Amino acid sequence: MFKRKAKVITVSGGKGGTGKTFVSVNLAALLASTLPVREIKNDVLSGNRVLLIDADYHLGNTHLLLGIKQHNYLDKVIDRELDIKEFISHTDFGVDLLSFGGDDKKISDADGKFNDAVLGELKKLEELYDWIIVDTGAGLNRTILNQIVFADHALLVLNPESTSLLDTYKLIKFIQLEKNRPKSLNIVINKTESLEEAQKTYSTLENTKIKFGVKIKTFMTGLVYLDKDLFTQSLSRGIPAVVLFPGSHYEQSFQQIADYVAKSNIVKNIDSFFEKLLIGSY
């Protein structure tokens, strides 16, 4: 009998450039490092218990931050029959990676045959992993809205720039219009120069919501400081910053975010995240 184990976190950021992939990768690595080691058995894909999904269909680059080569895209399952294990990339950081693919028309196709072929395998992942983190695509479309709506936790990555503030406000406004919208959204201020700048950025977002009557609750879940030098080293070496720089401000920032989602008892009242994502709303 199917029983969902994994809690799902979506990481979104409006248009590109907010750093949502950096946040996704480092949050995944931090959560993986806090999980107790378990024995590897034949019925699991690996000893890792955090699955990171790169859902940026056309411009996915999560593998670069994890220092691995691009693996099979999930949309290839339509062209040839492959076991779900063929699409999982394993890393040295306790994180497994699954890339949804290069063709959003295929992966979001509601064709029953496609869903039947893939859905059962995807649901197995919800039984095997403790956490599934979805790095959504940039911008806003129906697929991204569904990923946010059906997740247990929705993180929105916001920068201090005015364009990022506007994009995030628009995203929140559209989320509020959803029938099954989440009760609250978690805001991560990324690329901030200081705590004061992060607080000012969040206050501006809150004031904009109040001004235009957007009532969905938001919480400033954490902040990540701008550090071009450490970021460049992390990217060039393909190692998450929380792993490459233990004890750094990066580790402290992502520990705070991880603690928040880990200690929260929020679990969406749905049987399967993937079932809702691929088949339809409830």
C-alpha atoms as a PDB file:
ATOM      1  CA  MET A   1       0.000   0.000   0.000  1.00  0.00           C
ATOM      2  CA  PHE A   2       1.359   3.406  -1.003  1.00  0.00           C
ATOM      3  CA  LYS A   3       2.243   5.718   1.862  1.00  0.00           C
ATOM      4  CA  ARG A   4       3.911   9.047   1.190  1.00  0.00           C
ATOM      5  CA  LYS A   5       6.953   9.558   3.373  1.00  0.00           C
ATOM      6  CA  ALA A   6       8.727  12.476   1.756  1.00  0.00           C
ATOM      7  CA  LYS A   7       7.979  16.074   2.587  1.00  0.00           C
ATOM      8  CA  VAL A   8       8.082  18.243  -0.527  1.00  0.00           C
ATOM      9  CA  ILE A   9       9.664  21.700  -0.677  1.00  0.00           C
ATOM     10  CA  THR A  10       9.392  23.868  -3.773  1.00  0.00           C
ATOM     11  CA  VAL A  11      11.886  26.677  -4.327  1.00  0.00           C
ATOM     12  CA  SER A  12      10.690  29.407  -6.690  1.00  0.00           C
ATOM     13  CA  GLY A  13      11.900  32.866  -7.541  1.00  0.00           C
ATOM     14  CA  GLY A  14       9.914  34.571 -10.263  1.00  0.00           C
ATOM     15  CA  LYS A  15      12.217  35.440 -13.145  1.00  0.00           C
ATOM     16  CA  GLY A  16      15.724  34.020 -13.441  1.00  0.00           C
ATOM     17  CA  GLY A  17      18.674  35.352 -11.477  1.00  0.00           C
ATOM     18  CA  THR A  18      17.319  35.217  -7.943  1.00  0.00           C
ATOM     19  CA  GLY A  19      19.564  32.309  -6.983  1.00  0.00           C
ATOM     20  CA  LYS A  20      16.829  29.733  -6.419  1.00  0.00           C
ATOM     21  CA  THR A  21      19.063  26.912  -7.688  1.00  0.00           C
ATOM     22  CA  PHE A  22      21.832  27.919  -5.274  1.00  0.00           C
ATOM     23  CA  VAL A  23      19.273  27.924  -2.458  1.00  0.00           C
ATOM     24  CA  SER A  24      17.824  24.568  -3.561  1.00  0.00           C
ATOM     25  CA  VAL A  25      21.206  22.821  -3.769  1.00  0.00           C
ATOM     26  CA  ASN A  26      22.523  24.116  -0.454  1.00  0.00           C
ATOM     27  CA  LEU A  27      19.277  23.484   1.408  1.00  0.00           C
ATOM     28  CA  ALA A  28      19.266  19.926   0.059  1.00  0.00           C
ATOM     29  CA  ALA A  29      22.888  19.362   1.121  1.00  0.00           C
ATOM     30  CA  LEU A  30      22.256  20.810   4.578  1.00  0.00           C
ATOM     31  CA  LEU A  31      19.147  18.675   5.141  1.00  0.00           C
ATOM     32  CA  ALA A  32      21.037  15.593   3.958  1.00  0.00           C
ATOM     33  CA  SER A  33      23.886  16.261   6.390  1.00  0.00           C
ATOM     34  CA  THR A  34      21.501  16.335   9.354  1.00  0.00           C
ATOM     35  CA  LEU A  35      19.860  12.994   8.571  1.00  0.00           C
ATOM     36  CA  PRO A  36      21.074   9.920  10.451  1.00  0.00           C
ATOM     37  CA  VAL A  37      22.937   7.341   8.378  1.00  0.00           C
ATOM     38  CA  ARG A  38      20.860   4.307   7.465  1.00  0.00           C
ATOM     39  CA  GLU A  39      21.726   0.946   6.077  1.00  0.00           C
ATOM     40  CA  ILE A  40      21.510   0.631   2.302  1.00  0.00           C
ATOM     41  CA  LYS A  41      19.056  -2.053   1.280  1.00  0.00           C
ATOM     42  CA  ASN A  42      18.129  -3.567  -2.044  1.00  0.00           C
ATOM     43  CA  ASP A  43      14.786  -1.802  -2.224  1.00  0.00           C
ATOM     44  CA  VAL A  44      16.168   1.730  -2.083  1.00  0.00           C
ATOM     45  CA  LEU A  45      17.919   3.705  -4.794  1.00  0.00           C
ATOM     46  CA  SER A  46      20.784   4.778  -2.561  1.00  0.00           C
ATOM     47  CA  GLY A  47      21.649   5.562   1.011  1.00  0.00           C
ATOM     48  CA  ASN A  48      20.674   9.183   0.420  1.00  0.00           C
ATOM     49  CA  ARG A  49      17.384  10.444   1.717  1.00  0.00           C
ATOM     50  CA  VAL A  50      17.152  13.823  -0.008  1.00  0.00           C
ATOM     51  CA  LEU A  51      16.047  14.034  -3.634  1.00  0.00           C
ATOM     52  CA  LEU A  52      16.585  17.265  -5.555  1.00  0.00           C
ATOM     53  CA  ILE A  53      14.461  17.743  -8.660  1.00  0.00           C
ATOM     54  CA  ASP A  54      15.620  20.135 -11.362  1.00  0.00           C
ATOM     55  CA  ALA A  55      12.314  21.224 -12.879  1.00  0.00           C
ATOM     56  CA  ASP A  56      13.728  24.039 -15.008  1.00  0.00           C
ATOM     57  CA  TYR A  57      12.863  22.227 -18.226  1.00  0.00           C
ATOM     58  CA  HIS A  58      14.938  24.230 -20.686  1.00  0.00           C
ATOM     59  CA  LEU A  59      17.717  25.828 -18.623  1.00  0.00           C
ATOM     60  CA  GLY A  60      18.407  23.417 -15.787  1.00  0.00           C
ATOM     61  CA  ASN A  61      21.920  23.741 -14.336  1.00  0.00           C
ATOM     62  CA  THR A  62      21.578  22.135 -10.919  1.00  0.00           C
ATOM     63  CA  HIS A  63      24.142  19.484 -11.858  1.00  0.00           C
ATOM     64  CA  LEU A  64      26.839  22.146 -12.188  1.00  0.00           C
ATOM     65  CA  LEU A  65      26.491  23.163  -8.544  1.00  0.00           C
ATOM     66  CA  LEU A  66      26.715  19.492  -7.562  1.00  0.00           C
ATOM     67  CA  GLY A  67      29.793  18.794  -9.660  1.00  0.00           C
ATOM     68  CA  ILE A  68      28.257  16.029 -11.759  1.00  0.00           C
ATOM     69  CA  LYS A  69      27.549  15.509 -15.466  1.00  0.00           C
ATOM     70  CA  GLN A  70      24.036  15.976 -16.795  1.00  0.00           C
ATOM     71  CA  HIS A  71      22.160  12.692 -16.474  1.00  0.00           C
ATOM     72  CA  ASN A  72      19.160  11.351 -18.393  1.00  0.00           C
ATOM     73  CA  TYR A  73      16.210  13.707 -18.632  1.00  0.00           C
ATOM     74  CA  LEU A  74      12.975  12.216 -17.373  1.00  0.00           C
ATOM     75  CA  ASP A  75      11.094  13.139 -20.554  1.00  0.00           C
ATOM     76  CA  LYS A  76      13.149  10.490 -22.393  1.00  0.00           C
ATOM     77  CA  VAL A  77      10.941   7.864 -20.793  1.00  0.00           C
ATOM     78  CA  ILE A  78       8.403   8.630 -23.495  1.00  0.00           C
ATOM     79  CA  ASP A  79      10.832   7.676 -26.230  1.00  0.00           C
ATOM     80  CA  ARG A  80      12.218   4.526 -24.654  1.00  0.00           C
ATOM     81  CA  GLU A  81      11.371   2.421 -21.651  1.00  0.00           C
ATOM     82  CA  LEU A  82      13.791   2.974 -18.781  1.00  0.00           C
ATOM     83  CA  ASP A  83      13.652   2.187 -15.105  1.00  0.00           C
ATOM     84  CA  ILE A  84      13.390   5.241 -12.826  1.00  0.00           C
ATOM     85  CA  LYS A  85      16.859   4.376 -11.486  1.00  0.00           C
ATOM     86  CA  GLU A  86      18.258   5.315 -14.877  1.00  0.00           C
ATOM     87  CA  PHE A  87      17.283   8.926 -14.238  1.00  0.00           C
ATOM     88  CA  ILE A  88      18.766   9.330 -10.758  1.00  0.00           C
ATOM     89  CA  SER A  89      22.204  10.895 -10.361  1.00  0.00           C
ATOM     90  CA  HIS A  90      23.970  10.269  -7.063  1.00  0.00           C
ATOM     91  CA  THR A  91      26.310  12.774  -5.431  1.00  0.00           C
ATOM     92  CA  ASP A  92      28.854  12.715  -2.636  1.00  0.00           C
ATOM     93  CA  PHE A  93      26.778  15.127  -0.564  1.00  0.00           C
ATOM     94  CA  GLY A  94      23.862  12.926   0.469  1.00  0.00           C
ATOM     95  CA  VAL A  95      21.700  14.352  -2.317  1.00  0.00           C
ATOM     96  CA  ASP A  96      20.273  12.523  -5.340  1.00  0.00           C
ATOM     97  CA  LEU A  97      19.324  14.478  -8.456  1.00  0.00           C
ATOM     98  CA  LEU A  98      16.441  13.959 -10.889  1.00  0.00           C
ATOM     99  CA  SER A  99      16.086  16.263 -13.907  1.00  0.00           C
ATOM    100  CA  PHE A 100      12.554  16.556 -15.242  1.00  0.00           C
ATOM    101  CA  GLY A 101      13.762  17.145 -18.768  1.00  0.00           C
ATOM    102  CA  GLY A 102      14.208  19.432 -21.715  1.00  0.00           C
ATOM    103  CA  ASP A 103      10.675  19.374 -23.095  1.00  0.00           C
ATOM    104  CA  ASP A 104       7.924  20.741 -20.877  1.00  0.00           C
ATOM    105  CA  LYS A 105       5.247  19.664 -23.372  1.00  0.00           C
ATOM    106  CA  LYS A 106       6.181  16.054 -22.721  1.00  0.00           C
ATOM    107  CA  ILE A 107       6.577  16.181 -18.967  1.00  0.00           C
ATOM    108  CA  SER A 108       3.360  18.162 -18.420  1.00  0.00           C
ATOM    109  CA  ASP A 109       1.354  16.196 -20.970  1.00  0.00           C
ATOM    110  CA  ALA A 110      -1.854  14.889 -19.425  1.00  0.00           C
ATOM    111  CA  ASP A 111      -1.891  11.834 -21.678  1.00  0.00           C
ATOM    112  CA  GLY A 112      -2.965   8.856 -19.593  1.00  0.00           C
ATOM    113  CA  LYS A 113      -0.437   6.445 -21.062  1.00  0.00           C
ATOM    114  CA  PHE A 114       2.454   8.707 -20.114  1.00  0.00           C
ATOM    115  CA  ASN A 115       1.161   9.189 -16.583  1.00  0.00           C
ATOM    116  CA  ASP A 116       0.574   5.463 -16.105  1.00  0.00           C
ATOM    117  CA  ALA A 117       4.100   4.695 -17.283  1.00  0.00           C
ATOM    118  CA  VAL A 118       5.845   7.212 -15.050  1.00  0.00           C
ATOM    119  CA  LEU A 119       3.576   7.957 -12.118  1.00  0.00           C
ATOM    120  CA  GLY A 120       4.029   4.641 -10.335  1.00  0.00           C
ATOM    121  CA  GLU A 121       7.820   5.006 -10.465  1.00  0.00           C
ATOM    122  CA  LEU A 122       7.687   8.604  -9.255  1.00  0.00           C
ATOM    123  CA  LYS A 123       5.435   7.658  -6.363  1.00  0.00           C
ATOM    124  CA  LYS A 124       8.047   5.145  -5.248  1.00  0.00           C
ATOM    125  CA  LEU A 125      10.383   8.067  -4.685  1.00  0.00           C
ATOM    126  CA  GLU A 126       7.895   9.555  -2.234  1.00  0.00           C
ATOM    127  CA  GLU A 127       8.195   6.376  -0.182  1.00  0.00           C
ATOM    128  CA  LEU A 128      12.003   6.252  -0.270  1.00  0.00           C
ATOM    129  CA  TYR A 129      13.103   9.799   0.485  1.00  0.00           C
ATOM    130  CA  ASP A 130      12.635  11.956   3.567  1.00  0.00           C
ATOM    131  CA  TRP A 131      12.774  15.210   1.596  1.00  0.00           C
ATOM    132  CA  ILE A 132      12.065  16.069  -2.028  1.00  0.00           C
ATOM    133  CA  ILE A 133      13.163  19.562  -3.051  1.00  0.00           C
ATOM    134  CA  VAL A 134      11.847  20.942  -6.334  1.00  0.00           C
ATOM    135  CA  ASP A 135      13.895  23.667  -8.011  1.00  0.00           C
ATOM    136  CA  THR A 136      11.175  25.153 -10.192  1.00  0.00           C
ATOM    137  CA  GLY A 137      11.618  26.839 -13.523  1.00  0.00           C
ATOM    138  CA  ALA A 138      11.930  30.600 -13.834  1.00  0.00           C
ATOM    139  CA  GLY A 139       8.904  32.757 -14.444  1.00  0.00           C
ATOM    140  CA  LEU A 140       5.297  31.748 -13.892  1.00  0.00           C
ATOM    141  CA  ASN A 141       3.102  29.151 -15.551  1.00  0.00           C
ATOM    142  CA  ARG A 142       0.531  26.518 -14.623  1.00  0.00           C
ATOM    143  CA  THR A 143       3.157  23.861 -13.922  1.00  0.00           C
ATOM    144  CA  ILE A 144       5.047  26.094 -11.488  1.00  0.00           C
ATOM    145  CA  LEU A 145       1.835  27.121  -9.733  1.00  0.00           C
ATOM    146  CA  ASN A 146       0.903  23.455  -9.293  1.00  0.00           C
ATOM    147  CA  GLN A 147       4.337  22.669  -7.897  1.00  0.00           C
ATOM    148  CA  ILE A 148       3.868  25.427  -5.319  1.00  0.00           C
ATOM    149  CA  VAL A 149       0.259  24.555  -4.474  1.00  0.00           C
ATOM    150  CA  PHE A 150       0.862  20.845  -3.927  1.00  0.00           C
ATOM    151  CA  ALA A 151       4.121  21.164  -1.967  1.00  0.00           C
ATOM    152  CA  ASP A 152       4.254  20.898   1.818  1.00  0.00           C
ATOM    153  CA  HIS A 153       6.499  23.962   1.967  1.00  0.00           C
ATOM    154  CA  ALA A 154       6.816  26.744  -0.616  1.00  0.00           C
ATOM    155  CA  LEU A 155       9.983  28.857  -0.499  1.00  0.00           C
ATOM    156  CA  LEU A 156      10.126  32.039  -2.553  1.00  0.00           C
ATOM    157  CA  VAL A 157      13.625  33.406  -3.149  1.00  0.00           C
ATOM    158  CA  LEU A 158      13.697  37.202  -3.118  1.00  0.00           C
ATOM    159  CA  ASN A 159      16.542  39.648  -3.852  1.00  0.00           C
ATOM    160  CA  PRO A 160      16.782  43.263  -2.638  1.00  0.00           C
ATOM    161  CA  GLU A 161      16.485  44.561  -6.230  1.00  0.00           C
ATOM    162  CA  SER A 162      13.224  46.292  -7.104  1.00  0.00           C
ATOM    163  CA  THR A 163      12.613  43.978 -10.077  1.00  0.00           C
ATOM    164  CA  SER A 164      12.837  40.923  -7.829  1.00  0.00           C
ATOM    165  CA  LEU A 165      10.423  42.511  -5.360  1.00  0.00           C
ATOM    166  CA  LEU A 166       7.929  43.166  -8.143  1.00  0.00           C
ATOM    167  CA  ASP A 167       8.239  39.649  -9.558  1.00  0.00           C
ATOM    168  CA  THR A 168       7.795  38.088  -6.108  1.00  0.00           C
ATOM    169  CA  TYR A 169       4.739  40.207  -5.366  1.00  0.00           C
ATOM    170  CA  LYS A 170       3.170  39.184  -8.694  1.00  0.00           C
ATOM    171  CA  LEU A 171       3.922  35.534  -7.962  1.00  0.00           C
ATOM    172  CA  ILE A 172       2.295  35.785  -4.532  1.00  0.00           C
ATOM    173  CA  LYS A 173      -0.738  37.505  -6.049  1.00  0.00           C
ATOM    174  CA  PHE A 174      -1.252  34.642  -8.513  1.00  0.00           C
ATOM    175  CA  ILE A 175      -0.732  32.044  -5.802  1.00  0.00           C
ATOM    176  CA  GLN A 176      -3.479  33.689  -3.742  1.00  0.00           C
ATOM    177  CA  LEU A 177      -5.904  33.218  -6.640  1.00  0.00           C
ATOM    178  CA  GLU A 178      -5.400  29.445  -6.552  1.00  0.00           C
ATOM    179  CA  LYS A 179      -8.309  27.452  -5.135  1.00  0.00           C
ATOM    180  CA  ASN A 180      -6.002  25.246  -3.085  1.00  0.00           C
ATOM    181  CA  ARG A 181      -3.420  27.872  -2.231  1.00  0.00           C
ATOM    182  CA  PRO A 182      -1.085  27.205   0.710  1.00  0.00           C
ATOM    183  CA  LYS A 183      -1.901  28.848   4.028  1.00  0.00           C
ATOM    184  CA  SER A 184       1.469  30.577   4.066  1.00  0.00           C
ATOM    185  CA  LEU A 185       4.612  31.145   2.028  1.00  0.00           C
ATOM    186  CA  ASN A 186       8.210  31.193   3.200  1.00  0.00           C
ATOM    187  CA  ILE A 187      10.432  34.032   1.996  1.00  0.00           C
ATOM    188  CA  VAL A 188      14.204  33.635   1.699  1.00  0.00           C
ATOM    189  CA  ILE A 189      16.102  36.878   1.125  1.00  0.00           C
ATOM    190  CA  ASN A 190      19.083  35.997  -1.058  1.00  0.00           C
ATOM    191  CA  LYS A 191      22.097  38.096  -2.105  1.00  0.00           C
ATOM    192  CA  THR A 192      21.656  40.559   0.741  1.00  0.00           C
ATOM    193  CA  GLU A 193      24.503  42.775   1.936  1.00  0.00           C
ATOM    194  CA  SER A 194      23.257  42.959   5.529  1.00  0.00           C
ATOM    195  CA  LEU A 195      20.537  41.958   7.968  1.00  0.00           C
ATOM    196  CA  GLU A 196      19.157  45.480   7.777  1.00  0.00           C
ATOM    197  CA  GLU A 197      18.864  45.274   3.983  1.00  0.00           C
ATOM    198  CA  ALA A 198      17.103  41.918   4.248  1.00  0.00           C
ATOM    199  CA  GLN A 199      14.626  43.253   6.802  1.00  0.00           C
ATOM    200  CA  LYS A 200      13.960  46.337   4.680  1.00  0.00           C
ATOM    201  CA  THR A 201      13.400  44.159   1.596  1.00  0.00           C
ATOM    202  CA  TYR A 202      10.936  41.945   3.431  1.00  0.00           C
ATOM    203  CA  SER A 203       9.117  44.966   4.905  1.00  0.00           C
ATOM    204  CA  THR A 204       8.728  46.445   1.429  1.00  0.00           C
ATOM    205  CA  LEU A 205       7.162  43.196   0.231  1.00  0.00           C
ATOM    206  CA  GLU A 206       4.788  43.102   3.207  1.00  0.00           C
ATOM    207  CA  ASN A 207       3.757  46.731   2.733  1.00  0.00           C
ATOM    208  CA  THR A 208       3.070  46.099  -0.956  1.00  0.00           C
ATOM    209  CA  LYS A 209       0.862  43.129  -0.061  1.00  0.00           C
ATOM    210  CA  ILE A 210      -1.091  45.217   2.435  1.00  0.00           C
ATOM    211  CA  LYS A 211      -1.468  48.109   0.003  1.00  0.00           C
ATOM    212  CA  PHE A 212      -3.021  45.922  -2.687  1.00  0.00           C
ATOM    213  CA  GLY A 213      -5.033  43.651  -0.412  1.00  0.00           C
ATOM    214  CA  VAL A 214      -3.012  40.436  -0.816  1.00  0.00           C
ATOM    215  CA  LYS A 215      -3.842  38.510   2.351  1.00  0.00           C
ATOM    216  CA  ILE A 216      -1.881  35.274   2.038  1.00  0.00           C
ATOM    217  CA  LYS A 217       0.583  35.055   4.935  1.00  0.00           C
ATOM    218  CA  THR A 218       4.316  35.204   4.340  1.00  0.00           C
ATOM    219  CA  PHE A 219       7.193  34.608   6.735  1.00  0.00           C
ATOM    220  CA  MET A 220      10.833  35.621   6.431  1.00  0.00           C
ATOM    221  CA  THR A 221      12.264  32.139   6.878  1.00  0.00           C
ATOM    222  CA  GLY A 222      15.900  33.069   6.373  1.00  0.00           C
ATOM    223  CA  LEU A 223      18.466  35.194   4.605  1.00  0.00           C
ATOM    224  CA  VAL A 224      21.584  34.402   2.590  1.00  0.00           C
ATOM    225  CA  TYR A 225      24.387  36.959   2.386  1.00  0.00           C
ATOM    226  CA  LEU A 226      25.974  38.018  -0.880  1.00  0.00           C
ATOM    227  CA  ASP A 227      29.499  36.602  -1.115  1.00  0.00           C
ATOM    228  CA  LYS A 228      30.817  36.562  -4.671  1.00  0.00           C
ATOM    229  CA  ASP A 229      34.151  35.011  -3.741  1.00  0.00           C
ATOM    230  CA  LEU A 230      32.751  31.992  -1.884  1.00  0.00           C
ATOM    231  CA  PHE A 231      29.986  31.577  -4.453  1.00  0.00           C
ATOM    232  CA  THR A 232      32.501  31.510  -7.318  1.00  0.00           C
ATOM    233  CA  GLN A 233      34.639  28.915  -5.523  1.00  0.00           C
ATOM    234  CA  SER A 234      31.584  26.766  -4.849  1.00  0.00           C
ATOM    235  CA  LEU A 235      30.444  26.921  -8.480  1.00  0.00           C
ATOM    236  CA  SER A 236      33.864  26.338 -10.017  1.00  0.00           C
ATOM    237  CA  ARG A 237      34.521  23.292  -7.822  1.00  0.00           C
ATOM    238  CA  GLY A 238      30.999  21.876  -8.061  1.00  0.00           C
ATOM    239  CA  ILE A 239      30.616  21.608  -4.298  1.00  0.00           C
ATOM    240  CA  PRO A 240      27.702  23.082  -2.331  1.00  0.00           C
ATOM    241  CA  ALA A 241      28.839  26.067  -0.272  1.00  0.00           C
ATOM    242  CA  VAL A 242      27.568  24.517   2.973  1.00  0.00           C
ATOM    243  CA  VAL A 243      29.892  21.560   2.346  1.00  0.00           C
ATOM    244  CA  LEU A 244      32.872  23.481   0.973  1.00  0.00           C
ATOM    245  CA  PHE A 245      32.825  26.103   3.724  1.00  0.00           C
ATOM    246  CA  PRO A 246      31.761  24.434   6.994  1.00  0.00           C
ATOM    247  CA  GLY A 247      31.100  26.935   9.760  1.00  0.00           C
ATOM    248  CA  SER A 248      30.662  29.789   7.281  1.00  0.00           C
ATOM    249  CA  HIS A 249      27.764  32.222   7.083  1.00  0.00           C
ATOM    250  CA  TYR A 250      26.383  30.022   4.315  1.00  0.00           C
ATOM    251  CA  GLU A 251      26.138  27.025   6.621  1.00  0.00           C
ATOM    252  CA  GLN A 252      24.535  29.163   9.329  1.00  0.00           C
ATOM    253  CA  SER A 253      21.997  30.629   6.906  1.00  0.00           C
ATOM    254  CA  PHE A 254      20.903  27.314   5.450  1.00  0.00           C
ATOM    255  CA  GLN A 255      20.872  25.688   8.872  1.00  0.00           C
ATOM    256  CA  GLN A 256      18.308  28.281   9.938  1.00  0.00           C
ATOM    257  CA  ILE A 257      16.148  27.571   6.888  1.00  0.00           C
ATOM    258  CA  ALA A 258      16.508  23.807   7.320  1.00  0.00           C
ATOM    259  CA  ASP A 259      15.605  24.027  11.004  1.00  0.00           C
ATOM    260  CA  TYR A 260      12.467  25.964  10.149  1.00  0.00           C
ATOM    261  CA  VAL A 261      11.130  23.476   7.613  1.00  0.00           C
ATOM    262  CA  ALA A 262      12.317  20.428   9.559  1.00  0.00           C
ATOM    263  CA  LYS A 263      10.651  21.491  12.806  1.00  0.00           C
ATOM    264  CA  SER A 264       7.443  22.525  11.107  1.00  0.00           C
ATOM    265  CA  ASN A 265       4.708  19.902  11.156  1.00  0.00           C
ATOM    266  CA  ILE A 266       3.104  21.213   7.975  1.00  0.00           C
ATOM    267  CA  VAL A 267       2.194  18.322   5.689  1.00  0.00           C
ATOM    268  CA  LYS A 268      -0.163  18.787   2.745  1.00  0.00           C
ATOM    269  CA  ASN A 269      -3.241  16.590   2.980  1.00  0.00           C
ATOM    270  CA  ILE A 270      -2.657  14.759  -0.300  1.00  0.00           C
ATOM    271  CA  ASP A 271      -1.668  11.176  -1.030  1.00  0.00           C
ATOM    272  CA  SER A 272       0.960  11.930  -3.662  1.00  0.00           C
ATOM    273  CA  PHE A 273       2.659  15.134  -4.813  1.00  0.00           C
ATOM    274  CA  PHE A 274       3.495  13.646  -8.217  1.00  0.00           C
ATOM    275  CA  GLU A 275      -0.011  12.328  -8.738  1.00  0.00           C
ATOM    276  CA  LYS A 276      -1.487  15.778  -8.209  1.00  0.00           C
ATOM    277  CA  LEU A 277       1.208  17.406 -10.312  1.00  0.00           C
ATOM    278  CA  LEU A 278       0.781  15.129 -13.337  1.00  0.00           C
ATOM    279  CA  ILE A 279      -2.902  14.256 -13.237  1.00  0.00           C
ATOM    280  CA  GLY A 280      -4.819  17.155 -11.780  1.00  0.00           C
ATOM    281  CA  SER A 281      -5.932  19.238  -8.873  1.00  0.00           C
ATOM    282  CA  TYR A 282      -8.010  18.170  -5.898  1.00  0.00           C
END
